[in-house]
Protein backbone atom coordinates (compact mmCIF):
# COMPACT_ATOMS: atom_id res chain seq x y z
CA MET A 1 17.53 -12.15 -15.73
CA ALA A 2 18.94 -12.50 -12.21
CA GLU A 3 17.65 -9.05 -11.32
CA THR A 4 14.12 -10.00 -12.41
CA GLN A 5 14.28 -13.28 -10.50
CA ASN A 6 15.32 -11.55 -7.28
CA LYS A 7 13.29 -8.38 -7.40
CA ARG A 8 13.14 -6.74 -3.98
CA GLN A 9 10.27 -4.42 -3.10
CA VAL A 10 9.50 -2.59 0.13
CA VAL A 11 5.92 -1.56 0.85
CA LEU A 12 6.11 1.63 2.92
CA ASP A 13 3.82 3.91 4.88
CA THR A 14 4.34 6.81 7.28
CA GLU A 15 2.31 8.74 9.82
CA THR A 16 3.01 12.42 10.43
CA THR A 17 2.25 15.34 12.74
CA GLY A 18 0.32 17.11 9.98
CA LEU A 19 -0.18 17.49 6.27
CA SER A 20 2.59 19.75 4.97
CA THR A 21 6.36 19.92 5.21
CA ALA A 22 6.01 23.63 4.39
CA ASP A 23 4.77 23.98 7.97
CA ASP A 24 7.66 21.80 9.16
CA HIS A 25 5.44 18.86 10.00
CA ARG A 26 7.40 15.74 10.83
CA ILE A 27 7.26 11.95 10.58
CA ILE A 28 6.18 10.11 13.73
CA GLU A 29 5.96 6.52 12.46
CA ILE A 30 7.48 4.47 9.63
CA GLY A 31 6.28 0.98 8.70
CA CYS A 32 7.72 -1.25 5.96
CA VAL A 33 7.28 -4.84 4.82
CA GLU A 34 9.58 -6.57 2.35
CA LEU A 35 8.61 -8.52 -0.76
CA VAL A 36 11.02 -10.56 -2.86
CA ASN A 37 9.67 -11.97 -6.11
CA ARG A 38 6.19 -10.84 -4.98
CA ARG A 39 6.38 -12.91 -1.79
CA LEU A 40 6.54 -11.70 1.79
CA THR A 41 9.89 -12.45 3.38
CA GLY A 42 8.81 -11.63 6.93
CA GLU A 43 11.38 -8.83 7.13
CA THR A 44 9.93 -5.56 8.42
CA PHE A 45 11.05 -2.13 9.56
CA HIS A 46 8.87 -0.39 12.12
CA GLN A 47 9.72 2.66 14.20
CA TYR A 48 7.91 5.34 16.19
CA ILE A 49 9.73 8.68 16.15
CA ASN A 50 9.85 11.71 18.42
CA PRO A 51 9.02 14.61 16.04
CA GLN A 52 10.22 17.33 18.44
CA ARG A 53 6.98 19.21 17.88
CA ASP A 54 3.27 18.87 18.67
CA ILE A 55 0.93 16.73 16.58
CA ASP A 56 -2.01 18.52 14.95
CA ALA A 57 -5.38 17.57 16.43
CA GLY A 58 -6.68 16.54 12.99
CA ALA A 59 -3.72 14.21 12.43
CA MET A 60 -4.15 12.70 15.88
CA GLU A 61 -7.75 11.82 15.03
CA VAL A 62 -6.51 9.87 12.01
CA HIS A 63 -3.74 7.80 13.59
CA GLY A 64 -4.42 8.08 17.32
CA ILE A 65 -0.76 8.68 18.21
CA THR A 66 -0.28 11.21 21.02
CA ASN A 67 2.56 13.57 21.87
CA GLU A 68 3.00 11.75 25.20
CA ALA A 69 3.40 8.38 23.48
CA LEU A 70 6.34 9.69 21.45
CA ALA A 71 8.18 11.51 24.23
CA ASP A 72 10.66 8.69 24.84
CA LYS A 73 11.04 7.59 21.21
CA PRO A 74 14.21 8.21 19.14
CA LYS A 75 14.58 11.15 16.79
CA PHE A 76 14.59 10.55 13.04
CA ALA A 77 18.33 11.22 12.87
CA ASP A 78 18.89 8.37 15.32
CA ILE A 79 17.14 5.79 13.14
CA ALA A 80 17.95 7.20 9.69
CA ASP A 81 20.90 4.87 8.97
CA ASP A 82 18.96 1.72 9.85
CA PHE A 83 16.00 2.87 7.78
CA MET A 84 18.08 3.80 4.74
CA GLN A 85 19.91 0.50 4.93
CA PHE A 86 16.59 -1.38 4.96
CA ILE A 87 15.22 0.32 1.84
CA ASP A 88 18.50 0.73 -0.08
CA GLY A 89 18.18 -0.52 -3.65
CA ALA A 90 14.56 -1.61 -3.35
CA GLU A 91 11.53 -0.55 -5.34
CA LEU A 92 9.34 1.32 -2.86
CA ILE A 93 5.60 0.67 -3.13
CA ILE A 94 3.74 3.62 -1.60
CA HIS A 95 0.15 4.86 -1.78
CA ASN A 96 0.31 8.56 -2.66
CA ALA A 97 4.09 8.38 -2.88
CA ALA A 98 4.65 12.14 -3.25
CA PHE A 99 3.41 12.65 0.32
CA ASP A 100 5.57 10.02 2.04
CA VAL A 101 8.68 10.61 -0.08
CA GLY A 102 8.35 14.37 0.45
CA PHE A 103 8.27 13.89 4.22
CA LEU A 104 11.16 11.42 4.20
CA ASN A 105 13.33 13.74 2.13
CA HIS A 106 12.33 16.62 4.44
CA GLU A 107 13.64 14.60 7.40
CA LEU A 108 16.85 13.63 5.60
CA ALA A 109 17.53 17.25 4.67
CA LYS A 110 17.58 18.13 8.38
CA ILE A 111 20.56 15.83 8.97
CA ARG A 112 23.71 17.77 8.09
CA SER A 113 25.81 14.70 7.43
CA GLU A 114 23.15 13.05 5.24
CA LYS A 115 23.50 13.79 1.53
CA ARG A 116 21.23 11.04 0.18
CA THR A 117 17.60 11.33 -0.85
CA ILE A 118 15.01 8.57 -1.11
CA ASN A 119 14.86 8.97 -4.89
CA ALA A 120 18.62 8.50 -5.17
CA ILE A 121 18.69 5.04 -3.59
CA CYS A 122 15.28 3.62 -4.57
CA THR A 123 12.85 3.45 -7.43
CA ILE A 124 9.27 4.31 -6.52
CA LEU A 125 5.92 2.84 -7.54
CA ASP A 126 2.89 4.93 -6.59
CA THR A 127 -0.12 2.65 -6.09
CA LEU A 128 -2.46 5.65 -6.04
CA LYS A 129 -1.43 6.52 -9.61
CA LEU A 130 -1.67 2.85 -10.55
CA ALA A 131 -5.19 2.63 -9.09
CA ARG A 132 -6.32 5.83 -10.83
CA ASP A 133 -5.08 4.47 -14.15
CA LYS A 134 -6.94 1.20 -13.61
CA HIS A 135 -10.10 2.71 -12.06
CA PRO A 136 -10.55 6.26 -13.39
CA GLY A 137 -13.30 8.30 -11.79
CA GLN A 138 -13.61 5.98 -8.79
CA LYS A 139 -12.48 6.28 -5.18
CA ASN A 140 -8.96 4.94 -4.91
CA ASN A 141 -8.00 5.45 -1.28
CA LEU A 142 -6.76 2.40 0.59
CA ASP A 143 -10.13 1.57 2.17
CA ALA A 144 -11.87 1.74 -1.22
CA LEU A 145 -9.24 -0.53 -2.78
CA CYS A 146 -9.64 -3.01 0.06
CA ARG A 147 -13.35 -3.21 -0.70
CA ARG A 148 -12.72 -3.49 -4.44
CA TYR A 149 -10.16 -6.29 -4.11
CA ASP A 150 -11.71 -8.03 -1.09
CA VAL A 151 -8.72 -7.33 1.16
CA ASN A 152 -9.47 -7.69 4.86
CA ASN A 153 -8.91 -4.37 6.65
CA SER A 154 -11.19 -5.04 9.60
CA ASN A 155 -8.38 -4.23 12.06
CA ARG A 156 -7.94 -0.76 10.58
CA GLU A 157 -9.93 1.42 12.97
CA LEU A 158 -7.10 3.95 12.98
CA HIS A 159 -4.26 4.47 10.54
CA GLY A 160 -0.97 2.84 11.51
CA ALA A 161 2.15 2.74 9.35
CA LEU A 162 2.99 -0.96 9.73
CA LEU A 163 -0.61 -2.17 9.48
CA ASP A 164 -1.25 0.04 6.47
CA SER A 165 1.90 -1.22 4.72
CA GLU A 166 0.77 -4.82 5.32
CA ILE A 167 -2.67 -4.04 3.90
CA LEU A 168 -1.15 -2.18 0.95
CA ALA A 169 1.02 -5.21 0.18
CA ASP A 170 -2.16 -7.29 -0.16
CA VAL A 171 -3.83 -4.62 -2.30
CA TYR A 172 -0.78 -4.20 -4.56
CA LEU A 173 -0.50 -7.94 -5.22
CA ALA A 174 -4.21 -8.20 -5.98
CA MET A 175 -4.23 -5.06 -8.14
CA THR A 176 -1.27 -6.20 -10.23
CA GLY A 177 -2.83 -9.56 -10.97
CA GLY A 178 -0.56 -11.89 -9.05
CA GLN A 179 -1.14 -14.09 -6.07
CA THR A 180 -1.88 -12.19 -2.90
CA SER A 181 0.11 -12.52 0.28
CA LEU A 182 -2.79 -14.45 1.82
CA SER A 183 -2.12 -17.47 -0.35
CA LEU A 184 1.60 -17.21 0.30
CA ALA A 185 1.47 -16.44 4.00
CA ALA A 186 2.34 -19.97 4.98
CA GLU A 187 5.72 -19.41 3.35
CA VAL A 188 6.45 -16.31 5.43
CA VAL A 189 8.93 -17.77 7.92
CA ARG A 190 12.12 -16.65 9.56
CA LYS A 191 15.00 -18.79 8.38
CA ASP A 192 16.56 -18.75 11.84
CA LYS A 193 13.46 -19.73 13.84
CA GLY A 194 11.09 -21.20 11.29
CA LYS A 195 8.16 -19.24 12.72
CA ALA A 196 5.84 -16.74 11.10
CA THR A 197 6.77 -13.14 11.87
CA LYS A 198 4.35 -10.56 13.23
CA ALA A 199 4.02 -9.11 9.74
CA GLY A 200 3.24 -12.51 8.30
CA LYS A 201 0.72 -13.37 11.02
CA ALA A 202 -1.09 -10.09 10.47
CA LEU A 203 -1.71 -11.17 6.89
CA ILE A 204 -2.92 -14.69 7.68
CA LYS A 205 -6.62 -13.98 7.97
CA LYS A 206 -9.64 -15.83 6.67
CA ARG A 207 -11.26 -14.09 3.77
CA LYS A 208 -14.85 -14.57 2.78
CA PRO A 209 -15.18 -16.16 -0.67
CA LEU A 210 -16.09 -13.79 -3.46
CA LYS A 211 -19.80 -13.68 -4.19
CA VAL A 212 -20.91 -14.69 -7.68
CA ILE A 213 -23.90 -12.59 -8.69
CA LYS A 214 -25.63 -13.67 -11.88
CA ALA A 215 -27.90 -11.47 -13.95
CA ASP A 216 -31.60 -12.22 -13.59
CA ASP A 217 -34.01 -12.63 -16.53
CA ALA A 218 -35.01 -8.95 -16.52
CA GLU A 219 -31.40 -7.83 -16.60
CA MET A 220 -30.56 -10.26 -19.41
CA LEU A 221 -33.52 -8.92 -21.41
CA GLU A 222 -32.34 -5.34 -20.89
CA HIS A 223 -28.84 -6.39 -21.91
CA ASP A 224 -30.10 -7.96 -25.14
CA THR A 225 -32.21 -4.87 -25.88
CA HIS A 226 -29.16 -2.66 -25.41
CA LEU A 227 -27.12 -4.83 -27.78
CA GLN A 228 -29.83 -4.54 -30.41
CA ARG A 229 -29.67 -0.75 -30.09
CA LEU A 230 -25.88 -0.90 -30.55
CA GLU A 231 -26.32 -3.17 -33.56
CA LYS A 232 -28.67 -0.69 -35.18
CA ALA A 233 -26.51 2.35 -34.37
CA SER A 234 -23.38 0.67 -35.75
CA ASP A 235 -24.95 -0.57 -38.96
CA GLY A 236 -24.65 -4.21 -37.98
CA GLN A 237 -21.14 -4.00 -36.47
CA CYS A 238 -21.91 -4.86 -32.82
CA LEU A 239 -19.11 -7.29 -31.90
CA TRP A 240 -20.83 -8.58 -28.75
CA LEU A 241 -23.74 -9.87 -30.83
CA LYS A 242 -21.39 -11.53 -33.32
CA MET A 243 -19.49 -13.26 -30.50
CA SER A 244 -22.71 -14.71 -29.08
CA GLU A 245 -23.93 -16.10 -32.39
């Protein structure tokens, strides 16, 4: 029971130099936000990383991070302990988890003294798989899910690991039927300072109310006609008609 009451989740995203570890592409940014009992705690992990190689032009168009911007940043090996400590024991929430986990394990494997893998210290929830199960045959990238669940991603002109993890936290909470971080953002405070963190502030945005669109008379007539066709085809077993009687 205690474990359920204190469930810790870390919403995670990465940016990389390219698409495949087979070509030795590397991680250049990691962004994480923490949830405990489905509420933002304000704790984050965010780090830019020097990949020790050039960024593909196509990847640069997606995230806008340049080789020059990373020249003075630490290498992955330098931040690995802090990162692993932050995620240790948590359930990781990742969109297209195989991609990010594959890159993280690729980085860990390059550190001779590091014997751990992401899968060994965390459980993983893939929100892409979750979305495909809930919305088969539809677009389920992060932008599409934001539109579907009315999550504000207006600041997302380019991909960024911390921003995307904040947005994914909103999407995950909405998609799994609980309160979203918007309604809980007022509770996102640092215990030591009593002020909202950067991660919390990024999620405190006004959202437009959901539109309620009612069927017009023509649509209702077409609906009733369709139900009559179902009633005939099912030999009088159309449940929708019975429920409306």
